[in-house]
C-alpha atoms as a PDB file:
ATOM      1  CA  GLN A   1      91.777   5.563  10.620  1.00  0.00           C
ATOM      2  CA  VAL A   2      93.993   7.320   8.117  1.00  0.00           C
ATOM      3  CA  GLN A   3      96.198   5.631   5.549  1.00  0.00           C
ATOM      4  CA  LEU A   4      99.205   7.365   4.003  1.00  0.00           C
ATOM      5  CA  VAL A   5     100.891   6.375   0.750  1.00  0.00           C
ATOM      6  CA  GLU A   6     104.229   7.969  -0.099  1.00  0.00           C
ATOM      7  CA  SER A   7     106.043   8.139  -3.409  1.00  0.00           C
ATOM      8  CA  GLY A   8     108.940   9.903  -5.078  1.00  0.00           C
ATOM      9  CA  GLY A   9     112.043   8.708  -3.287  1.00  0.00           C
ATOM     10  CA  GLY A  10     115.141   7.466  -5.051  1.00  0.00           C
ATOM     11  CA  LEU A  11     118.819   7.985  -5.786  1.00  0.00           C
ATOM     12  CA  VAL A  12     120.053  11.424  -6.793  1.00  0.00           C
ATOM     13  CA  GLN A  13     123.432  13.078  -7.145  1.00  0.00           C
ATOM     14  CA  PRO A  14     124.495  15.897  -4.813  1.00  0.00           C
ATOM     15  CA  GLY A  15     122.944  19.150  -5.971  1.00  0.00           C
ATOM     16  CA  GLY A  16     120.021  17.349  -7.553  1.00  0.00           C
ATOM     17  CA  SER A  17     116.315  17.485  -6.822  1.00  0.00           C
ATOM     18  CA  LEU A  18     113.538  15.120  -5.827  1.00  0.00           C
ATOM     19  CA  ARG A  19     109.847  15.573  -5.130  1.00  0.00           C
ATOM     20  CA  LEU A  20     108.065  13.464  -2.543  1.00  0.00           C
ATOM     21  CA  SER A  21     104.305  13.012  -2.431  1.00  0.00           C
ATOM     22  CA  CYS A  22     102.049  11.608   0.266  1.00  0.00           C
ATOM     23  CA  ALA A  23      98.350  10.943  -0.218  1.00  0.00           C
ATOM     24  CA  ALA A  24      96.051  10.489   2.773  1.00  0.00           C
ATOM     25  CA  SER A  25      92.858   8.463   2.662  1.00  0.00           C
ATOM     26  CA  GLY A  26      90.264   7.252   5.117  1.00  0.00           C
ATOM     27  CA  ARG A  27      88.494   9.366   7.700  1.00  0.00           C
ATOM     28  CA  ILE A  28      90.077  12.777   7.135  1.00  0.00           C
ATOM     29  CA  PHE A  29      89.098  15.624   9.455  1.00  0.00           C
ATOM     30  CA  SER A  30      88.724  19.120   8.067  1.00  0.00           C
ATOM     31  CA  ILE A  31      91.420  20.425  10.428  1.00  0.00           C
ATOM     32  CA  ASN A  32      94.737  18.623  10.239  1.00  0.00           C
ATOM     33  CA  SER A  33      98.398  19.096   9.636  1.00  0.00           C
ATOM     34  CA  MET A  34     100.703  17.092   7.414  1.00  0.00           C
ATOM     35  CA  GLY A  35     104.426  16.909   7.087  1.00  0.00           C
ATOM     36  CA  TRP A  36     107.636  14.996   6.715  1.00  0.00           C
ATOM     37  CA  TYR A  37     110.156  13.507   9.095  1.00  0.00           C
ATOM     38  CA  ARG A  38     113.315  11.616   8.229  1.00  0.00           C
ATOM     39  CA  GLN A  39     115.534   9.046   9.851  1.00  0.00           C
ATOM     40  CA  ALA A  40     119.112   8.366   8.846  1.00  0.00           C
ATOM     41  CA  PRO A  41     120.915   5.153   9.847  1.00  0.00           C
ATOM     42  CA  GLY A  42     121.930   5.264  13.486  1.00  0.00           C
ATOM     43  CA  LYS A  43     120.066   8.507  14.132  1.00  0.00           C
ATOM     44  CA  GLU A  44     116.751   9.469  15.638  1.00  0.00           C
ATOM     45  CA  ARG A  45     113.790  10.463  13.514  1.00  0.00           C
ATOM     46  CA  GLU A  46     113.773  14.230  12.997  1.00  0.00           C
ATOM     47  CA  LEU A  47     111.372  16.832  11.711  1.00  0.00           C
ATOM     48  CA  VAL A  48     111.926  18.040   8.146  1.00  0.00           C
ATOM     49  CA  ALA A  49     108.868  20.198   7.480  1.00  0.00           C
ATOM     50  CA  VAL A  50     105.205  20.444   8.429  1.00  0.00           C
ATOM     51  CA  ILE A  51     102.320  22.420   6.996  1.00  0.00           C
ATOM     52  CA  SER A  52      98.975  23.339   8.512  1.00  0.00           C
ATOM     53  CA  PHE A  53      95.626  22.919   6.769  1.00  0.00           C
ATOM     54  CA  GLY A  54      95.745  26.660   6.102  1.00  0.00           C
ATOM     55  CA  GLY A  55      99.112  26.341   4.398  1.00  0.00           C
ATOM     56  CA  ASN A  56     101.478  27.666   7.048  1.00  0.00           C
ATOM     57  CA  PRO A  57     104.824  25.842   6.800  1.00  0.00           C
ATOM     58  CA  ASN A  58     107.566  25.200   9.301  1.00  0.00           C
ATOM     59  CA  TYR A  59     110.993  23.873   8.383  1.00  0.00           C
ATOM     60  CA  ALA A  60     113.987  22.396  10.119  1.00  0.00           C
ATOM     61  CA  ASP A  61     116.916  24.800   9.973  1.00  0.00           C
ATOM     62  CA  SER A  62     118.917  22.252   8.011  1.00  0.00           C
ATOM     63  CA  VAL A  63     116.523  22.365   5.032  1.00  0.00           C
ATOM     64  CA  LYS A  64     115.422  26.011   4.993  1.00  0.00           C
ATOM     65  CA  GLY A  65     115.947  27.573   1.597  1.00  0.00           C
ATOM     66  CA  ARG A  66     116.352  24.180  -0.089  1.00  0.00           C
ATOM     67  CA  PHE A  67     113.106  22.299   0.625  1.00  0.00           C
ATOM     68  CA  THR A  68     109.555  23.471   0.031  1.00  0.00           C
ATOM     69  CA  ILE A  69     106.484  21.840   1.527  1.00  0.00           C
ATOM     70  CA  SER A  70     103.044  22.306  -0.014  1.00  0.00           C
ATOM     71  CA  ARG A  71      99.674  20.621   0.042  1.00  0.00           C
ATOM     72  CA  ASP A  72      96.568  20.056  -2.031  1.00  0.00           C
ATOM     73  CA  ASN A  73      93.664  19.930   0.402  1.00  0.00           C
ATOM     74  CA  ALA A  74      91.201  18.771  -2.252  1.00  0.00           C
ATOM     75  CA  LYS A  75      93.334  15.655  -2.745  1.00  0.00           C
ATOM     76  CA  ASN A  76      94.543  15.302   0.866  1.00  0.00           C
ATOM     77  CA  THR A  77      98.072  15.260  -0.468  1.00  0.00           C
ATOM     78  CA  VAL A  78     101.274  16.828   0.798  1.00  0.00           C
ATOM     79  CA  PHE A  79     104.404  17.401  -1.266  1.00  0.00           C
ATOM     80  CA  LEU A  80     108.048  17.996  -0.426  1.00  0.00           C
ATOM     81  CA  GLN A  81     110.163  19.582  -3.150  1.00  0.00           C
ATOM     82  CA  MET A  82     113.798  18.975  -2.293  1.00  0.00           C
ATOM     83  CA  ASN A  83     116.437  20.983  -4.138  1.00  0.00           C
ATOM     84  CA  SER A  84     120.206  21.301  -3.724  1.00  0.00           C
ATOM     85  CA  LEU A  85     120.288  17.902  -2.075  1.00  0.00           C
ATOM     86  CA  LYS A  86     123.295  16.981   0.037  1.00  0.00           C
ATOM     87  CA  PRO A  87     124.666  13.591   1.097  1.00  0.00           C
ATOM     88  CA  GLU A  88     123.536  14.367   4.635  1.00  0.00           C
ATOM     89  CA  ASP A  89     119.931  14.454   3.393  1.00  0.00           C
ATOM     90  CA  THR A  90     120.150  10.695   2.864  1.00  0.00           C
ATOM     91  CA  ALA A  91     117.480   9.044   5.007  1.00  0.00           C
ATOM     92  CA  VAL A  92     114.140   7.318   5.017  1.00  0.00           C
ATOM     93  CA  TYR A  93     111.504  10.018   4.724  1.00  0.00           C
ATOM     94  CA  TYR A  94     108.210   9.481   6.532  1.00  0.00           C
ATOM     95  CA  CYS A  95     104.964  11.283   5.892  1.00  0.00           C
ATOM     96  CA  VAL A  96     102.972  12.267   8.987  1.00  0.00           C
ATOM     97  CA  HIS A  97      99.332  13.302   9.367  1.00  0.00           C
ATOM     98  CA  ARG A  98      97.899  14.751  12.570  1.00  0.00           C
ATOM     99  CA  GLN A  99      94.228  15.233  13.360  1.00  0.00           C
ATOM    100  CA  GLY A 100      91.961  15.004  16.366  1.00  0.00           C
ATOM    101  CA  GLY A 101      94.781  14.070  18.691  1.00  0.00           C
ATOM    102  CA  GLY A 102      95.882  11.177  16.494  1.00  0.00           C
ATOM    103  CA  VAL A 103      99.186  10.786  14.636  1.00  0.00           C
ATOM    104  CA  TYR A 104      99.479   8.652  11.530  1.00  0.00           C
ATOM    105  CA  TRP A 105     102.673   7.626   9.719  1.00  0.00           C
ATOM    106  CA  GLY A 106     103.450   6.473   6.222  1.00  0.00           C
ATOM    107  CA  GLN A 107     105.632   3.475   5.482  1.00  0.00           C
ATOM    108  CA  GLY A 108     108.621   5.609   4.526  1.00  0.00           C
ATOM    109  CA  THR A 109     110.454   6.224   1.273  1.00  0.00           C
ATOM    110  CA  GLN A 110     114.220   6.050   0.841  1.00  0.00           C
ATOM    111  CA  VAL A 111     116.112   9.109  -0.369  1.00  0.00           C
ATOM    112  CA  THR A 112     119.785   8.555  -1.178  1.00  0.00           C
ATOM    113  CA  VAL A 113     122.057  11.419  -2.199  1.00  0.00           C
ATOM    114  CA  SER A 114     125.308  10.088  -3.588  1.00  0.00           C
ATOM    115  CA  SER A 115     127.646  10.482  -6.518  1.00  0.00           C
END
């Protein structure tokens, strides 16, 4: 089992920045991927960004150039630096960890972009 603990959400004005963190604990395999999804009210959960154990990132088109995903393998932690935030980025952000055919989700952290 893998447990994920997220932090860093909150309220920010348009154009502002936030940094999300997600720490994984438990039985962590040496090969895994981590990332972030988000779900806005009335919408389906969607991919934001994922990063492989080797550090290769993939981003949704809607966040390219504004968000940066990174990870610290020694601490089993993934980060999402979000810049130039827009109201449409408002959502609950979920951390995801994939390994050995299993998928694990965090509890979610609210990000609200509003003036």
